[in-house]
């Protein structure tokens, strides 16, 4: 059992090909596949209490919000996974972190073709507090959040507007760094190769491991 746990965590952390893991641990590829399948779902269930929910989210605290795409193979049966923004397929998750870069909440995954605003709204997080106190990029315009000023069609941005956007982007850097830290779990950063029906469970397991390690 211990070796199965090691194999599963190695797979999630490094996204190694199962055939390579089988060679490393001197077992068959089918054995590796069975271990990963069973233990990934077990990890997701056991560590789920460590994952903050929208109901537990403190919306009164200032947060920086951003979405990120978790890439996977292109499946003919799932055209909804294609993100026009990223020009690839995957699942979208929304991430909220504090101003010091601590991730406070991660949404459930949504097909990659959906806009950040849709994904955020679907999560019910907007009802958890006052989004006027949160910071996001231009993709969140219309959600009453603090966002960069868009260039009007009839003129260029004024100097103060440009400076506002510059300063806001400097603050937004913390959520970009937080997402990069989350994606040290390579399974969230490189193409997911297992059946697409297992992707949501794998994402949930890694998110649970992330919050468990930070607890």
Protein backbone atom coordinates (compact mmCIF):
# COMPACT_ATOMS: atom_id res chain seq x y z
CA UNK A 1 0.00 0.00 0.00
CA UNK A 2 2.80 2.43 0.90
CA UNK A 3 4.42 1.97 -2.50
CA UNK A 4 1.05 2.57 -4.19
CA UNK A 5 0.73 5.88 -2.33
CA UNK A 6 4.24 6.87 -3.39
CA UNK A 7 3.46 6.00 -7.02
CA UNK A 8 0.24 8.02 -6.96
CA UNK A 9 1.83 11.08 -5.37
CA UNK A 10 4.74 10.88 -7.80
CA UNK A 11 2.32 10.75 -10.70
CA UNK A 12 0.35 13.76 -9.43
CA UNK A 13 3.45 15.78 -8.60
CA UNK A 14 5.43 15.06 -11.77
CA UNK A 15 2.81 13.82 -14.29
CA UNK A 16 5.13 10.99 -15.26
CA UNK A 17 4.05 8.55 -17.94
CA UNK A 18 2.63 5.38 -16.40
CA UNK A 19 4.95 3.17 -18.44
CA UNK A 20 7.94 4.96 -16.89
CA UNK A 21 6.53 4.50 -13.41
CA UNK A 22 5.97 0.82 -14.11
CA UNK A 23 9.60 0.46 -15.16
CA UNK A 24 10.83 2.39 -12.13
CA UNK A 25 8.90 0.26 -9.66
CA UNK A 26 9.29 -3.03 -11.57
CA UNK A 27 5.56 -3.69 -11.94
CA UNK A 28 3.15 -3.77 -14.86
CA UNK A 29 1.58 -0.63 -16.29
CA UNK A 30 -1.87 -1.98 -15.42
CA UNK A 31 -0.81 -2.20 -11.76
CA UNK A 32 0.30 1.43 -11.84
CA UNK A 33 -2.98 2.44 -13.49
CA UNK A 34 -5.07 0.63 -10.86
CA UNK A 35 -3.12 2.20 -8.01
CA UNK A 36 -3.47 5.72 -9.41
CA UNK A 37 -7.18 5.27 -10.14
CA UNK A 38 -8.11 3.97 -6.70
CA UNK A 39 -5.85 6.16 -4.58
CA UNK A 40 -6.53 9.43 -6.40
CA UNK A 41 -10.22 9.20 -5.61
CA UNK A 42 -9.42 8.10 -2.04
CA UNK A 43 -7.13 11.11 -1.51
CA UNK A 44 -9.81 13.45 -2.86
CA UNK A 45 -12.39 12.07 -0.40
CA UNK A 46 -10.18 11.85 2.69
CA UNK A 47 -8.64 15.32 2.35
CA UNK A 48 -11.76 17.10 1.14
CA UNK A 49 -12.41 18.62 4.64
CA UNK A 50 -9.22 20.67 4.20
CA UNK A 51 -10.55 22.37 1.06
CA UNK A 52 -12.24 25.75 1.73
CA UNK A 53 -15.73 26.06 0.29
CA UNK A 54 -17.59 29.15 -0.94
CA UNK A 55 -19.61 29.11 2.30
CA UNK A 56 -16.39 29.36 4.31
CA UNK A 57 -14.86 32.10 2.15
CA UNK A 58 -14.36 35.40 4.00
CA UNK A 59 -15.60 37.84 1.40
CA UNK A 60 -14.96 40.85 3.66
CA UNK A 61 -11.18 40.44 3.25
CA UNK A 62 -9.54 41.91 0.17
CA UNK A 63 -8.68 39.18 -2.33
CA UNK A 64 -7.09 39.02 -5.75
CA UNK A 65 -8.95 36.74 -8.16
CA UNK A 66 -7.84 35.10 -11.39
CA UNK A 67 -8.69 32.11 -13.54
CA UNK A 68 -6.30 29.53 -14.93
CA UNK A 69 -6.59 26.70 -17.43
CA UNK A 70 -5.57 23.20 -16.40
CA UNK A 71 -4.61 21.61 -19.74
CA UNK A 72 -5.57 18.19 -21.05
CA UNK A 73 -5.57 16.28 -24.31
CA UNK A 74 -8.06 17.28 -26.96
CA UNK A 75 -11.00 14.86 -26.87
CA UNK A 76 -13.31 14.76 -29.90
CA UNK A 77 -16.27 14.10 -27.60
CA UNK A 78 -15.56 17.22 -25.52
CA UNK A 79 -15.36 20.31 -27.76
CA UNK A 80 -16.42 22.37 -24.72
CA UNK A 81 -12.92 21.93 -23.29
CA UNK A 82 -11.34 24.17 -25.95
CA UNK A 83 -10.37 27.62 -24.68
CA UNK A 84 -10.23 30.28 -27.37
CA UNK A 85 -8.24 32.49 -24.99
CA UNK A 86 -5.53 29.88 -24.40
CA UNK A 87 -5.79 28.13 -27.78
CA UNK A 88 -5.81 24.72 -26.12
CA UNK A 89 -8.10 22.35 -24.21
CA UNK A 90 -8.52 22.04 -20.49
CA UNK A 91 -10.54 22.89 -17.40
CA UNK A 92 -10.91 26.38 -15.93
CA UNK A 93 -10.57 26.98 -12.19
CA UNK A 94 -10.92 30.27 -10.35
CA UNK A 95 -8.38 31.14 -7.67
CA UNK A 96 -8.71 33.74 -4.91
CA UNK A 97 -5.70 34.68 -2.80
CA UNK A 98 -5.00 37.26 -0.11
CA UNK A 99 -2.73 40.25 -0.71
CA UNK A 100 0.16 38.30 0.80
CA UNK A 101 -0.29 35.54 -1.78
CA UNK A 102 -2.02 32.88 0.34
CA UNK A 103 -4.61 30.95 -1.66
CA UNK A 104 -7.91 31.17 0.19
CA UNK A 105 -10.21 29.38 -2.23
CA UNK A 106 -10.21 27.43 -5.51
CA UNK A 107 -13.36 26.77 -7.51
CA UNK A 108 -14.56 23.49 -8.91
CA UNK A 109 -13.33 22.95 -12.49
CA UNK A 110 -15.41 24.21 -15.41
CA UNK A 111 -14.96 23.38 -19.13
CA UNK A 112 -12.32 25.58 -20.72
CA UNK A 113 -14.63 27.28 -23.22
CA UNK A 114 -16.33 29.26 -20.45
CA UNK A 115 -15.35 32.85 -19.64
CA UNK A 116 -13.83 33.69 -16.26
CA UNK A 117 -16.90 35.73 -15.31
CA UNK A 118 -19.18 32.76 -15.99
CA UNK A 119 -16.96 30.42 -13.98
CA UNK A 120 -16.81 32.82 -11.04
CA UNK A 121 -20.56 33.33 -11.07
CA UNK A 122 -21.25 29.61 -11.24
CA UNK A 123 -19.24 29.07 -8.07
CA UNK A 124 -21.53 31.30 -5.95
CA UNK A 125 -18.45 32.98 -4.50
CA UNK A 126 -19.77 36.44 -5.45
CA UNK A 127 -22.50 36.07 -2.83
CA UNK A 128 -19.94 35.28 -0.10
CA UNK A 129 -19.03 38.91 0.55
CA UNK A 130 -18.41 42.26 -1.06
CA UNK A 131 -16.70 41.81 -4.45
CA UNK A 132 -16.13 45.58 -4.58
CA UNK A 133 -13.21 44.82 -2.27
CA UNK A 134 -11.66 42.26 -4.63
CA UNK A 135 -9.19 42.79 -7.48
CA UNK A 136 -9.33 41.08 -10.87
CA UNK A 137 -8.26 41.55 -14.49
CA UNK A 138 -10.38 42.88 -17.35
CA UNK A 139 -12.12 39.52 -17.65
CA UNK A 140 -14.09 40.35 -14.50
CA UNK A 141 -15.48 43.71 -15.61
CA UNK A 142 -19.17 43.85 -14.69
CA UNK A 143 -18.82 41.95 -11.40
CA UNK A 144 -18.38 45.12 -9.28
CA UNK A 145 -14.74 44.23 -8.66
CA UNK A 146 -11.70 46.51 -8.90
CA UNK A 147 -10.46 45.92 -12.46
CA UNK A 148 -8.17 47.71 -14.92
CA UNK A 149 -9.70 50.55 -16.89
CA UNK A 150 -10.51 49.51 -20.45
CA UNK A 151 -9.53 51.78 -23.31
CA UNK A 152 -12.62 53.62 -24.58
CA UNK A 153 -13.35 53.31 -28.29
CA UNK A 154 -13.21 57.07 -28.81
CA UNK A 155 -9.92 58.01 -27.07
CA UNK A 156 -6.66 56.80 -25.59
CA UNK A 157 -6.29 56.15 -21.88
CA UNK A 158 -5.37 59.21 -19.84
CA UNK A 159 -2.08 59.23 -17.95
CA UNK A 160 -3.77 58.68 -14.59
CA UNK A 161 -5.73 55.76 -16.04
CA UNK A 162 -2.53 54.18 -17.35
CA UNK A 163 -0.89 54.63 -13.95
CA UNK A 164 -3.93 53.11 -12.22
CA UNK A 165 -3.70 50.05 -14.46
CA UNK A 166 0.04 49.75 -13.86
CA UNK A 167 -0.34 49.83 -10.08
CA UNK A 168 -3.26 47.40 -10.19
CA UNK A 169 -1.28 44.93 -12.27
CA UNK A 170 1.55 45.10 -9.72
CA UNK A 171 -0.93 43.99 -7.05
CA UNK A 172 -2.40 41.29 -9.29
CA UNK A 173 1.03 39.71 -9.54
CA UNK A 174 0.43 37.93 -6.22
CA UNK A 175 -2.35 35.74 -7.62
CA UNK A 176 -0.28 34.88 -10.68
CA UNK A 177 2.54 33.75 -8.38
CA UNK A 178 0.08 31.81 -6.22
CA UNK A 179 -1.22 29.96 -9.29
CA UNK A 180 2.37 29.20 -10.33
CA UNK A 181 2.99 27.72 -6.87
CA UNK A 182 -0.15 25.59 -7.18
CA UNK A 183 1.05 24.30 -10.53
CA UNK A 184 4.24 22.85 -9.13
CA UNK A 185 1.89 19.87 -9.12
CA UNK A 186 2.74 19.17 -12.75
CA UNK A 187 -0.50 17.28 -13.38
CA UNK A 188 -2.17 20.73 -13.33
CA UNK A 189 0.43 22.32 -15.60
CA UNK A 190 1.05 19.78 -18.36
CA UNK A 191 -1.43 17.89 -20.54
CA UNK A 192 -3.60 15.43 -18.65
CA UNK A 193 -3.37 12.06 -20.43
CA UNK A 194 -5.74 9.76 -18.53
CA UNK A 195 -9.44 9.41 -19.51
CA UNK A 196 -11.20 12.75 -19.31
CA UNK A 197 -13.81 11.24 -16.98
CA UNK A 198 -11.09 11.04 -14.30
CA UNK A 199 -9.84 14.62 -14.67
CA UNK A 200 -12.22 16.27 -12.19
CA UNK A 201 -11.33 13.75 -9.48
CA UNK A 202 -7.62 14.26 -10.13
CA UNK A 203 -7.98 18.05 -9.91
CA UNK A 204 -9.91 17.67 -6.66
CA UNK A 205 -7.23 15.39 -5.21
CA UNK A 206 -4.40 17.79 -6.02
CA UNK A 207 -6.29 20.79 -4.65
CA UNK A 208 -6.99 18.82 -1.46
CA UNK A 209 -3.31 17.90 -1.18
CA UNK A 210 -2.33 21.54 -1.67
CA UNK A 211 -4.56 22.78 1.16
CA UNK A 212 -3.63 19.83 3.37
CA UNK A 213 0.07 20.72 3.00
CA UNK A 214 -0.68 24.36 3.79
CA UNK A 215 -2.77 23.57 6.88
